[in-house]
Amino acid sequence: EIVPEESQPVALSFGKPNLGVPELLTRAGE
């Protein structure tokens, strides 16, 4: 209540990082 909101510390979390969507091959070539 006495610390301005813009100065309050915020602990961040991160989503699971990734390298993109791989190509998926089936026996039928789909």
PDB file of all heavy atoms in Angstrom:
ATOM      1  N   GLU A   1       0.807  -1.202   0.000  1.00  0.00           N
ATOM      2  CA  GLU A   1       0.000   0.000   0.000  1.00  0.00           C
ATOM      3  C   GLU A   1       0.847   1.262   0.000  1.00  0.00           C
ATOM      4  O   GLU A   1       0.375   2.344  -0.376  1.00  0.00           O
ATOM      5  CB  GLU A   1      -0.943  -0.009   1.208  1.00  0.00           C
ATOM      6  CG  GLU A   1      -1.989  -1.118   1.147  1.00  0.00           C
ATOM      7  CD  GLU A   1      -2.904  -1.085   2.354  1.00  0.00           C
ATOM      8  OE1 GLU A   1      -2.758  -0.132   3.156  1.00  0.00           O
ATOM      9  OE2 GLU A   1      -3.747  -1.982   2.492  1.00  0.00           O
ATOM     10  N   ILE A   2       2.104   1.151   0.469  1.00  0.00           N
ATOM     11  CA  ILE A   2       2.949   2.346   0.517  1.00  0.00           C
ATOM     12  C   ILE A   2       3.989   2.361  -0.589  1.00  0.00           C
ATOM     13  O   ILE A   2       4.588   3.385  -0.855  1.00  0.00           O
ATOM     14  CB  ILE A   2       3.640   2.465   1.889  1.00  0.00           C
ATOM     15  CG1 ILE A   2       4.581   1.289   2.121  1.00  0.00           C
ATOM     16  CG2 ILE A   2       2.638   2.600   2.990  1.00  0.00           C
ATOM     17  CD1 ILE A   2       5.448   1.460   3.349  1.00  0.00           C
ATOM     18  N   VAL A   3       4.221   1.196  -1.259  1.00  0.00           N
ATOM     19  CA  VAL A   3       5.143   1.142  -2.391  1.00  0.00           C
ATOM     20  C   VAL A   3       4.329   1.285  -3.669  1.00  0.00           C
ATOM     21  O   VAL A   3       3.386   0.525  -3.891  1.00  0.00           O
ATOM     22  CB  VAL A   3       5.929  -0.179  -2.420  1.00  0.00           C
ATOM     23  CG1 VAL A   3       6.830  -0.227  -3.647  1.00  0.00           C
ATOM     24  CG2 VAL A   3       6.732  -0.352  -1.152  1.00  0.00           C
ATOM     25  N   PRO A   4       4.622   2.255  -4.533  1.00  0.00           N
ATOM     26  CA  PRO A   4       3.864   2.419  -5.771  1.00  0.00           C
ATOM     27  C   PRO A   4       3.859   1.123  -6.578  1.00  0.00           C
ATOM     28  O   PRO A   4       4.846   0.392  -6.624  1.00  0.00           O
ATOM     29  CB  PRO A   4       4.623   3.533  -6.504  1.00  0.00           C
ATOM     30  CG  PRO A   4       5.359   4.266  -5.431  1.00  0.00           C
ATOM     31  CD  PRO A   4       5.693   3.252  -4.390  1.00  0.00           C
ATOM     32  N   GLU A   5       2.734   0.856  -7.225  1.00  0.00           N
ATOM     33  CA  GLU A   5       2.589  -0.405  -7.956  1.00  0.00           C
ATOM     34  C   GLU A   5       3.674  -0.576  -9.001  1.00  0.00           C
ATOM     35  O   GLU A   5       4.190  -1.675  -9.210  1.00  0.00           O
ATOM     36  CB  GLU A   5       1.216  -0.466  -8.622  1.00  0.00           C
ATOM     37  CG  GLU A   5       0.965  -1.780  -9.354  1.00  0.00           C
ATOM     38  CD  GLU A   5      -0.438  -1.879  -9.916  1.00  0.00           C
ATOM     39  OE1 GLU A   5      -1.295  -1.081  -9.520  1.00  0.00           O
ATOM     40  OE2 GLU A   5      -0.653  -2.766 -10.759  1.00  0.00           O
ATOM     41  N   GLU A   6       4.050   0.522  -9.658  1.00  0.00           N
ATOM     42  CA  GLU A   6       5.060   0.395 -10.711  1.00  0.00           C
ATOM     43  C   GLU A   6       6.440   0.046 -10.177  1.00  0.00           C
ATOM     44  O   GLU A   6       7.341  -0.308 -10.940  1.00  0.00           O
ATOM     45  CB  GLU A   6       5.133   1.684 -11.531  1.00  0.00           C
ATOM     46  CG  GLU A   6       5.553   2.917 -10.755  1.00  0.00           C
ATOM     47  CD  GLU A   6       4.379   3.644 -10.134  1.00  0.00           C
ATOM     48  OE1 GLU A   6       3.272   3.054 -10.067  1.00  0.00           O
ATOM     49  OE2 GLU A   6       4.558   4.800  -9.705  1.00  0.00           O
ATOM     50  N   SER A   7       6.630   0.158  -8.855  1.00  0.00           N
ATOM     51  CA  SER A   7       7.931  -0.164  -8.265  1.00  0.00           C
ATOM     52  C   SER A   7       7.940  -1.497  -7.536  1.00  0.00           C
ATOM     53  O   SER A   7       8.981  -1.911  -7.033  1.00  0.00           O
ATOM     54  CB  SER A   7       8.340   0.952  -7.286  1.00  0.00           C
ATOM     55  OG  SER A   7       8.446   2.198  -7.945  1.00  0.00           O
ATOM     56  N   GLN A   8       6.813  -2.166  -7.486  1.00  0.00           N
ATOM     57  CA  GLN A   8       6.748  -3.430  -6.759  1.00  0.00           C
ATOM     58  C   GLN A   8       7.442  -4.533  -7.558  1.00  0.00           C
ATOM     59  O   GLN A   8       7.305  -4.604  -8.781  1.00  0.00           O
ATOM     60  CB  GLN A   8       5.293  -3.806  -6.501  1.00  0.00           C
ATOM     61  CG  GLN A   8       4.577  -2.862  -5.556  1.00  0.00           C
ATOM     62  CD  GLN A   8       3.100  -3.186  -5.435  1.00  0.00           C
ATOM     63  OE1 GLN A   8       2.663  -4.254  -5.850  1.00  0.00           O
ATOM     64  NE2 GLN A   8       2.343  -2.252  -4.866  1.00  0.00           N
ATOM     65  N   PRO A   9       8.204  -5.415  -6.895  1.00  0.00           N
ATOM     66  CA  PRO A   9       8.886  -6.495  -7.606  1.00  0.00           C
ATOM     67  C   PRO A   9       7.906  -7.550  -8.093  1.00  0.00           C
ATOM     68  O   PRO A   9       6.924  -7.870  -7.419  1.00  0.00           O
ATOM     69  CB  PRO A   9       9.834  -7.067  -6.546  1.00  0.00           C
ATOM     70  CG  PRO A   9       9.186  -6.731  -5.248  1.00  0.00           C
ATOM     71  CD  PRO A   9       8.495  -5.424  -5.453  1.00  0.00           C
ATOM     72  N   VAL A  10       8.179  -8.086  -9.285  1.00  0.00           N
ATOM     73  CA  VAL A  10       7.346  -9.130  -9.884  1.00  0.00           C
ATOM     74  C   VAL A  10       8.254 -10.291 -10.277  1.00  0.00           C
ATOM     75  O   VAL A  10       9.189 -10.111 -11.070  1.00  0.00           O
ATOM     76  CB  VAL A  10       6.587  -8.609 -11.118  1.00  0.00           C
ATOM     77  CG1 VAL A  10       5.745  -9.728 -11.729  1.00  0.00           C
ATOM     78  CG2 VAL A  10       5.721  -7.426 -10.762  1.00  0.00           C
ATOM     79  N   ALA A  11       7.998 -11.461  -9.720  1.00  0.00           N
ATOM     80  CA  ALA A  11       8.756 -12.663 -10.068  1.00  0.00           C
ATOM     81  C   ALA A  11       8.124 -13.304 -11.300  1.00  0.00           C
ATOM     82  O   ALA A  11       6.948 -13.679 -11.288  1.00  0.00           O
ATOM     83  CB  ALA A  11       8.758 -13.643  -8.897  1.00  0.00           C
ATOM     84  N   LEU A  12       8.887 -13.415 -12.369  1.00  0.00           N
ATOM     85  CA  LEU A  12       8.366 -13.910 -13.640  1.00  0.00           C
ATOM     86  C   LEU A  12       8.465 -15.426 -13.738  1.00  0.00           C
ATOM     87  O   LEU A  12       9.327 -16.059 -13.130  1.00  0.00           O
ATOM     88  CB  LEU A  12       9.134 -13.290 -14.803  1.00  0.00           C
ATOM     89  CG  LEU A  12       9.071 -11.769 -14.944  1.00  0.00           C
ATOM     90  CD1 LEU A  12       9.916 -11.326 -16.132  1.00  0.00           C
ATOM     91  CD2 LEU A  12       7.638 -11.301 -15.107  1.00  0.00           C
ATOM     92  N   SER A  13       7.583 -15.997 -14.528  1.00  0.00           N
ATOM     93  CA  SER A  13       7.688 -17.399 -14.921  1.00  0.00           C
ATOM     94  C   SER A  13       7.623 -17.458 -16.439  1.00  0.00           C
ATOM     95  O   SER A  13       7.072 -16.563 -17.088  1.00  0.00           O
ATOM     96  CB  SER A  13       6.563 -18.239 -14.303  1.00  0.00           C
ATOM     97  OG  SER A  13       5.292 -17.803 -14.769  1.00  0.00           O
ATOM     98  N   PHE A  14       8.186 -18.510 -17.003  1.00  0.00           N
ATOM     99  CA  PHE A  14       8.274 -18.629 -18.459  1.00  0.00           C
ATOM    100  C   PHE A  14       7.614 -19.918 -18.924  1.00  0.00           C
ATOM    101  O   PHE A  14       7.753 -20.967 -18.291  1.00  0.00           O
ATOM    102  CB  PHE A  14       9.732 -18.590 -18.917  1.00  0.00           C
ATOM    103  CG  PHE A  14      10.386 -17.253 -18.718  1.00  0.00           C
ATOM    104  CD1 PHE A  14      11.005 -16.938 -17.523  1.00  0.00           C
ATOM    105  CD2 PHE A  14      10.352 -16.304 -19.724  1.00  0.00           C
ATOM    106  CE1 PHE A  14      11.589 -15.698 -17.329  1.00  0.00           C
ATOM    107  CE2 PHE A  14      10.938 -15.061 -19.545  1.00  0.00           C
ATOM    108  CZ  PHE A  14      11.553 -14.760 -18.349  1.00  0.00           C
ATOM    109  N   GLY A  15       6.904 -19.815 -20.039  1.00  0.00           N
ATOM    110  CA  GLY A  15       6.353 -21.015 -20.648  1.00  0.00           C
ATOM    111  C   GLY A  15       7.462 -21.887 -21.199  1.00  0.00           C
ATOM    112  O   GLY A  15       8.611 -21.467 -21.327  1.00  0.00           O
ATOM    113  N   LYS A  16       7.131 -23.129 -21.509  1.00  0.00           N
ATOM    114  CA  LYS A  16       8.137 -24.053 -22.024  1.00  0.00           C
ATOM    115  C   LYS A  16       8.638 -23.565 -23.381  1.00  0.00           C
ATOM    116  O   LYS A  16       7.862 -23.446 -24.333  1.00  0.00           O
ATOM    117  CB  LYS A  16       7.554 -25.455 -22.156  1.00  0.00           C
ATOM    118  CG  LYS A  16       7.161 -26.090 -20.834  1.00  0.00           C
ATOM    119  CD  LYS A  16       6.584 -27.483 -21.035  1.00  0.00           C
ATOM    120  CE  LYS A  16       6.182 -28.106 -19.698  1.00  0.00           C
ATOM    121  NZ  LYS A  16       5.604 -29.463 -19.868  1.00  0.00           N
ATOM    122  N   PRO A  17       9.931 -23.272 -23.500  1.00  0.00           N
ATOM    123  CA  PRO A  17      10.457 -22.817 -24.792  1.00  0.00           C
ATOM    124  C   PRO A  17      10.489 -23.964 -25.789  1.00  0.00           C
ATOM    125  O   PRO A  17      10.571 -25.144 -25.406  1.00  0.00           O
ATOM    126  CB  PRO A  17      11.865 -22.339 -24.446  1.00  0.00           C
ATOM    127  CG  PRO A  17      12.242 -23.142 -23.243  1.00  0.00           C
ATOM    128  CD  PRO A  17      10.977 -23.366 -22.464  1.00  0.00           C
ATOM    129  N   ASN A  18      10.420 -23.631 -27.070  1.00  0.00           N
ATOM    130  CA  ASN A  18      10.418 -24.701 -28.072  1.00  0.00           C
ATOM    131  C   ASN A  18      11.148 -24.272 -29.335  1.00  0.00           C
ATOM    132  O   ASN A  18      11.459 -23.094 -29.537  1.00  0.00           O
ATOM    133  CB  ASN A  18       8.990 -25.136 -28.398  1.00  0.00           C
ATOM    134  CG  ASN A  18       8.208 -24.081 -29.158  1.00  0.00           C
ATOM    135  OD1 ASN A  18       8.346 -23.940 -30.368  1.00  0.00           O
ATOM    136  ND2 ASN A  18       7.381 -23.316 -28.439  1.00  0.00           N
ATOM    137  N   LEU A  19      11.400 -25.271 -30.188  1.00  0.00           N
ATOM    138  CA  LEU A  19      12.117 -25.078 -31.445  1.00  0.00           C
ATOM    139  C   LEU A  19      11.198 -25.145 -32.652  1.00  0.00           C
ATOM    140  O   LEU A  19      11.650 -25.329 -33.777  1.00  0.00           O
ATOM    141  CB  LEU A  19      13.215 -26.137 -31.571  1.00  0.00           C
ATOM    142  CG  LEU A  19      14.412 -25.934 -30.651  1.00  0.00           C
ATOM    143  CD1 LEU A  19      15.179 -27.234 -30.459  1.00  0.00           C
ATOM    144  CD2 LEU A  19      15.328 -24.857 -31.188  1.00  0.00           C
ATOM    145  N   GLY A  20       9.918 -25.026 -32.417  1.00  0.00           N
ATOM    146  CA  GLY A  20       8.971 -25.070 -33.515  1.00  0.00           C
ATOM    147  C   GLY A  20       8.355 -26.438 -33.683  1.00  0.00           C
ATOM    148  O   GLY A  20       8.685 -27.409 -32.988  1.00  0.00           O
ATOM    149  N   VAL A  21       7.463 -26.541 -34.636  1.00  0.00           N
ATOM    150  CA  VAL A  21       6.723 -27.780 -34.878  1.00  0.00           C
ATOM    151  C   VAL A  21       7.475 -28.624 -35.897  1.00  0.00           C
ATOM    152  O   VAL A  21       7.763 -28.161 -37.003  1.00  0.00           O
ATOM    153  CB  VAL A  21       5.301 -27.466 -35.384  1.00  0.00           C
ATOM    154  CG1 VAL A  21       4.560 -28.759 -35.711  1.00  0.00           C
ATOM    155  CG2 VAL A  21       4.540 -26.655 -34.346  1.00  0.00           C
ATOM    156  N   PRO A  22       7.826 -29.865 -35.547  1.00  0.00           N
ATOM    157  CA  PRO A  22       8.547 -30.718 -36.499  1.00  0.00           C
ATOM    158  C   PRO A  22       7.621 -31.269 -37.566  1.00  0.00           C
ATOM    159  O   PRO A  22       6.394 -31.248 -37.429  1.00  0.00           O
ATOM    160  CB  PRO A  22       9.086 -31.842 -35.608  1.00  0.00           C
ATOM    161  CG  PRO A  22       8.064 -31.956 -34.523  1.00  0.00           C
ATOM    162  CD  PRO A  22       7.577 -30.542 -34.273  1.00  0.00           C
ATOM    163  N   GLU A  23       8.227 -31.753 -38.627  1.00  0.00           N
ATOM    164  CA  GLU A  23       7.454 -32.433 -39.661  1.00  0.00           C
ATOM    165  C   GLU A  23       7.157 -33.850 -39.195  1.00  0.00           C
ATOM    166  O   GLU A  23       8.009 -34.523 -38.630  1.00  0.00           O
ATOM    167  CB  GLU A  23       8.248 -32.472 -40.970  1.00  0.00           C
ATOM    168  CG  GLU A  23       7.504 -33.140 -42.115  1.00  0.00           C
ATOM    169  CD  GLU A  23       8.329 -33.183 -43.389  1.00  0.00           C
ATOM    170  OE1 GLU A  23       9.467 -32.701 -43.369  1.00  0.00           O
ATOM    171  OE2 GLU A  23       7.829 -33.717 -44.394  1.00  0.00           O
ATOM    172  N   LEU A  24       5.940 -34.308 -39.413  1.00  0.00           N
ATOM    173  CA  LEU A  24       5.543 -35.656 -39.017  1.00  0.00           C
ATOM    174  C   LEU A  24       5.265 -36.470 -40.265  1.00  0.00           C
ATOM    175  O   LEU A  24       4.477 -36.067 -41.126  1.00  0.00           O
ATOM    176  CB  LEU A  24       4.310 -35.618 -38.110  1.00  0.00           C
ATOM    177  CG  LEU A  24       3.896 -36.952 -37.478  1.00  0.00           C
ATOM    178  CD1 LEU A  24       3.259 -36.721 -36.116  1.00  0.00           C
ATOM    179  CD2 LEU A  24       2.932 -37.728 -38.364  1.00  0.00           C
ATOM    180  N   LEU A  25       5.934 -37.616 -40.380  1.00  0.00           N
ATOM    181  CA  LEU A  25       5.754 -38.498 -41.530  1.00  0.00           C
ATOM    182  C   LEU A  25       5.079 -39.786 -41.084  1.00  0.00           C
ATOM    183  O   LEU A  25       5.422 -40.359 -40.053  1.00  0.00           O
ATOM    184  CB  LEU A  25       7.104 -38.827 -42.170  1.00  0.00           C
ATOM    185  CG  LEU A  25       7.916 -37.632 -42.698  1.00  0.00           C
ATOM    186  CD1 LEU A  25       9.228 -38.116 -43.275  1.00  0.00           C
ATOM    187  CD2 LEU A  25       7.132 -36.855 -43.729  1.00  0.00           C
ATOM    188  N   THR A  26       4.112 -40.247 -41.873  1.00  0.00           N
ATOM    189  CA  THR A  26       3.444 -41.513 -41.604  1.00  0.00           C
ATOM    190  C   THR A  26       3.823 -42.505 -42.691  1.00  0.00           C
ATOM    191  O   THR A  26       4.412 -42.153 -43.719  1.00  0.00           O
ATOM    192  CB  THR A  26       1.921 -41.337 -41.586  1.00  0.00           C
ATOM    193  OG1 THR A  26       1.477 -41.032 -42.915  1.00  0.00           O
ATOM    194  CG2 THR A  26       1.519 -40.193 -40.655  1.00  0.00           C
ATOM    195  N   ARG A  27       3.481 -43.760 -42.447  1.00  0.00           N
ATOM    196  CA  ARG A  27       3.772 -44.784 -43.458  1.00  0.00           C
ATOM    197  C   ARG A  27       3.043 -44.475 -44.763  1.00  0.00           C
ATOM    198  O   ARG A  27       3.504 -44.817 -45.840  1.00  0.00           O
ATOM    199  CB  ARG A  27       3.360 -46.159 -42.938  1.00  0.00           C
ATOM    200  CG  ARG A  27       4.207 -46.661 -41.773  1.00  0.00           C
ATOM    201  CD  ARG A  27       3.790 -48.077 -41.396  1.00  0.00           C
ATOM    202  NE  ARG A  27       4.421 -48.530 -40.171  1.00  0.00           N
ATOM    203  CZ  ARG A  27       5.624 -49.095 -40.109  1.00  0.00           C
ATOM    204  NH1 ARG A  27       6.318 -49.248 -41.216  1.00  0.00           N
ATOM    205  NH2 ARG A  27       6.128 -49.487 -38.959  1.00  0.00           N
ATOM    206  N   ALA A  28       1.895 -43.848 -44.656  1.00  0.00           N
ATOM    207  CA  ALA A  28       1.124 -43.522 -45.845  1.00  0.00           C
ATOM    208  C   ALA A  28       1.624 -42.255 -46.525  1.00  0.00           C
ATOM    209  O   ALA A  28       1.099 -41.833 -47.542  1.00  0.00           O
ATOM    210  CB  ALA A  28      -0.350 -43.361 -45.477  1.00  0.00           C
ATOM    211  N   GLY A  29       2.662 -41.639 -45.952  1.00  0.00           N
ATOM    212  CA  GLY A  29       3.210 -40.435 -46.543  1.00  0.00           C
ATOM    213  C   GLY A  29       2.450 -39.183 -46.196  1.00  0.00           C
ATOM    214  O   GLY A  29       2.687 -38.120 -46.772  1.00  0.00           O
ATOM    215  N   GLU A  30       1.508 -39.295 -45.248  1.00  0.00           N
ATOM    216  CA  GLU A  30       0.739 -38.133 -44.857  1.00  0.00           C
ATOM    217  C   GLU A  30       1.567 -37.233 -43.947  1.00  0.00           C
ATOM    218  O   GLU A  30       2.487 -37.667 -43.283  1.00  0.00           O
ATOM    219  CB  GLU A  30      -0.535 -38.568 -44.134  1.00  0.00           C
ATOM    220  CG  GLU A  30      -1.443 -39.445 -44.997  1.00  0.00           C
ATOM    221  CD  GLU A  30      -2.592 -40.014 -44.191  1.00  0.00           C
ATOM    222  OE1 GLU A  30      -2.589 -39.840 -42.958  1.00  0.00           O
ATOM    223  OE2 GLU A  30      -3.480 -40.633 -44.798  1.00  0.00           O
TER     224      GLU A  30
END
